[in-house]
Protein backbone atom coordinates (compact mmCIF):
# COMPACT_ATOMS: atom_id res chain seq x y z
CA UNK A 1 -11.52 -9.49 -12.90
CA UNK A 2 -13.11 -10.79 -9.74
CA UNK A 3 -15.77 -8.81 -7.91
CA UNK A 4 -14.58 -6.68 -4.98
CA UNK A 5 -16.30 -5.13 -1.99
CA UNK A 6 -15.48 -3.37 1.28
CA UNK A 7 -12.43 -1.59 -0.17
CA UNK A 8 -10.53 0.56 2.31
CA UNK A 9 -7.11 1.98 3.15
CA UNK A 10 -5.64 1.14 6.54
CA UNK A 11 -2.48 2.36 8.27
CA UNK A 12 -0.22 -0.17 9.90
CA UNK A 13 3.33 -1.12 10.80
CA UNK A 14 5.51 -3.78 9.27
CA UNK A 15 6.01 -6.93 11.32
CA UNK A 16 7.92 -10.07 10.39
CA UNK A 17 8.87 -10.67 6.77
CA UNK A 18 9.37 -14.16 5.34
CA UNK A 19 10.82 -14.96 1.91
CA UNK A 20 9.67 -18.35 0.68
CA UNK A 21 7.22 -20.50 -1.28
CA UNK A 22 3.44 -20.74 -0.84
CA UNK A 23 0.74 -23.12 -2.03
CA UNK A 24 0.79 -26.38 -3.95
CA UNK A 25 2.56 -24.72 -6.87
CA UNK A 26 5.20 -23.32 -4.50
CA UNK A 27 4.81 -19.76 -5.72
CA UNK A 28 7.78 -17.60 -4.65
CA UNK A 29 6.69 -14.71 -2.41
CA UNK A 30 7.70 -12.23 0.22
CA UNK A 31 5.13 -12.66 3.00
CA UNK A 32 4.69 -9.52 5.12
CA UNK A 33 2.95 -9.52 8.47
CA UNK A 34 1.38 -6.10 9.15
CA UNK A 35 0.04 -4.85 12.49
CA UNK A 36 -3.11 -2.68 12.11
CA UNK A 37 -5.94 -1.42 14.33
CA UNK A 38 -8.05 -4.13 12.62
CA UNK A 39 -5.63 -6.84 13.76
CA UNK A 40 -2.84 -8.74 12.08
CA UNK A 41 -2.91 -8.79 8.28
CA UNK A 42 -0.80 -10.74 5.82
CA UNK A 43 0.39 -9.56 2.42
CA UNK A 44 1.89 -11.79 -0.27
CA UNK A 45 4.26 -9.97 -2.63
CA UNK A 46 4.90 -12.12 -5.67
CA UNK A 47 8.35 -12.71 -7.13
CA UNK A 48 7.39 -13.56 -10.71
CA UNK A 49 9.13 -11.62 -13.46
CA UNK A 50 5.96 -9.67 -14.26
CA UNK A 51 5.26 -8.81 -10.61
CA UNK A 52 8.83 -7.87 -9.62
CA UNK A 53 8.64 -4.15 -10.52
CA UNK A 54 5.54 -3.81 -8.31
CA UNK A 55 7.05 -5.92 -5.53
CA UNK A 56 10.14 -3.69 -5.51
CA UNK A 57 7.95 -0.56 -5.25
CA UNK A 58 6.01 -2.11 -2.36
CA UNK A 59 9.21 -3.11 -0.55
CA UNK A 60 10.51 0.44 -0.94
CA UNK A 61 7.17 1.75 0.39
CA UNK A 62 7.84 -0.36 3.52
CA UNK A 63 11.23 1.33 3.90
CA UNK A 64 13.55 -1.19 2.23
CA UNK A 65 16.63 0.70 0.96
CA UNK A 66 17.44 0.10 -2.74
CA UNK A 67 20.78 -1.54 -1.91
CA UNK A 68 19.10 -4.31 0.15
CA UNK A 69 18.27 -7.68 -1.39
CA UNK A 70 15.95 -10.65 -0.90
CA UNK A 71 18.78 -12.38 0.92
CA UNK A 72 18.94 -9.45 3.36
CA UNK A 73 15.16 -9.74 3.96
CA UNK A 74 15.52 -13.50 4.41
CA UNK A 75 18.23 -13.25 7.08
CA UNK A 76 16.69 -10.14 8.70
CA UNK A 77 12.97 -11.03 9.06
CA UNK A 78 12.49 -8.13 11.49
CA UNK A 79 14.71 -5.70 9.57
CA UNK A 80 11.79 -3.46 8.60
CA UNK A 81 9.68 -4.13 11.71
CA UNK A 82 7.93 -1.05 13.03
CA UNK A 83 8.12 0.89 9.78
CA UNK A 84 4.82 2.57 8.86
CA UNK A 85 2.95 1.15 5.89
CA UNK A 86 -0.37 1.80 4.13
CA UNK A 87 -2.52 -1.19 3.22
CA UNK A 88 -5.26 -1.48 0.63
CA UNK A 89 -7.72 -4.05 1.99
CA UNK A 90 -10.71 -5.49 0.15
CA UNK A 91 -12.84 -8.60 -0.14
CA UNK A 92 -12.66 -10.54 -3.38
CA UNK A 93 -14.92 -13.23 -4.79
CA UNK A 94 -13.21 -16.27 -6.25
CA UNK A 95 -15.14 -19.40 -7.24
CA UNK A 96 -18.18 -18.19 -5.32
CA UNK A 97 -16.34 -17.54 -2.04
CA UNK A 98 -15.47 -14.15 -0.55
CA UNK A 99 -12.10 -13.67 1.11
CA UNK A 100 -10.14 -10.74 2.44
CA UNK A 101 -7.10 -9.62 0.45
CA UNK A 102 -4.44 -7.10 1.44
CA UNK A 103 -1.87 -5.23 -0.60
CA UNK A 104 0.77 -2.61 0.13
CA UNK A 105 -0.38 0.79 -1.12
CA UNK A 106 2.26 2.62 -3.14
CA UNK A 107 0.19 5.45 -4.58
CA UNK A 108 2.21 8.64 -4.72
CA UNK A 109 1.70 11.60 -6.95
CA UNK A 110 4.11 14.44 -7.54
CA UNK A 111 2.48 17.74 -6.64
CA UNK A 112 4.27 20.89 -7.75
CA UNK A 113 3.93 24.20 -5.93
CA UNK A 114 1.75 26.82 -7.63
CA UNK A 115 3.08 30.25 -8.43
CA UNK A 116 1.72 32.79 -5.90
CA UNK A 117 -0.36 34.64 -8.51
CA UNK A 118 -1.96 31.40 -9.71
CA UNK A 119 -2.64 30.33 -6.12
CA UNK A 120 -4.24 33.71 -5.41
CA UNK A 121 -6.55 33.36 -8.43
CA UNK A 122 -7.64 29.87 -7.38
CA UNK A 123 -7.99 31.04 -3.79
CA UNK A 124 -10.50 33.67 -4.89
CA UNK A 125 -12.45 31.06 -6.87
CA UNK A 126 -12.33 28.67 -3.91
CA UNK A 127 -13.58 31.22 -1.39
CA UNK A 128 -16.38 32.37 -3.72
CA UNK A 129 -17.48 28.77 -4.33
CA UNK A 130 -17.43 28.11 -0.59
CA UNK A 131 -19.59 31.18 0.07
CA UNK A 132 -22.10 30.03 -2.56
CA UNK A 133 -22.16 26.57 -1.01
CA UNK A 134 -22.68 28.20 2.42
CA UNK A 135 -19.86 26.22 4.03
CA UNK A 136 -19.25 28.81 6.70
CA UNK A 137 -16.28 30.72 5.27
C-alpha cells in the first residue's frame, strides 16, 4: 500500500456527475464533482466487478435511490446536485510523487439504544471518571 498523509474528513455537496472512461486504459468510472469549503474536488468511482459493491454504497451515500441506474446518472448529470456528502481526503505517494486523492465516505455503524438501567450504570461511571479527571462536571 502506498504511503498516505494529511488524512481528513470534509463535508461537501454533490455537483455534476459524469459516467465515462478515464486514462489511457479507458477505465470505466463515475466521476463526481464535489463542492467543499476547500474548493472543488473530484472523485472517481470505479466500475470494475470488484469495485462495484463499494461504488454502489458510495452512490447511495450521495443519495442515489436503489432503483436508479448508471444510465439515469448519465442522462441526469445534475440529478444528485446539492445532496450532502462526506469526503475522505488524503495525499498518497505513487512513484515518488504526492497527490491528493478523494473518496466518498460511507462509514455507518448501527448503534442500539441502551436499556435505562444499563445507561444509568454507565452514567455513574462516566460522571465519576469525569470528576477524577477534573473536567468540570
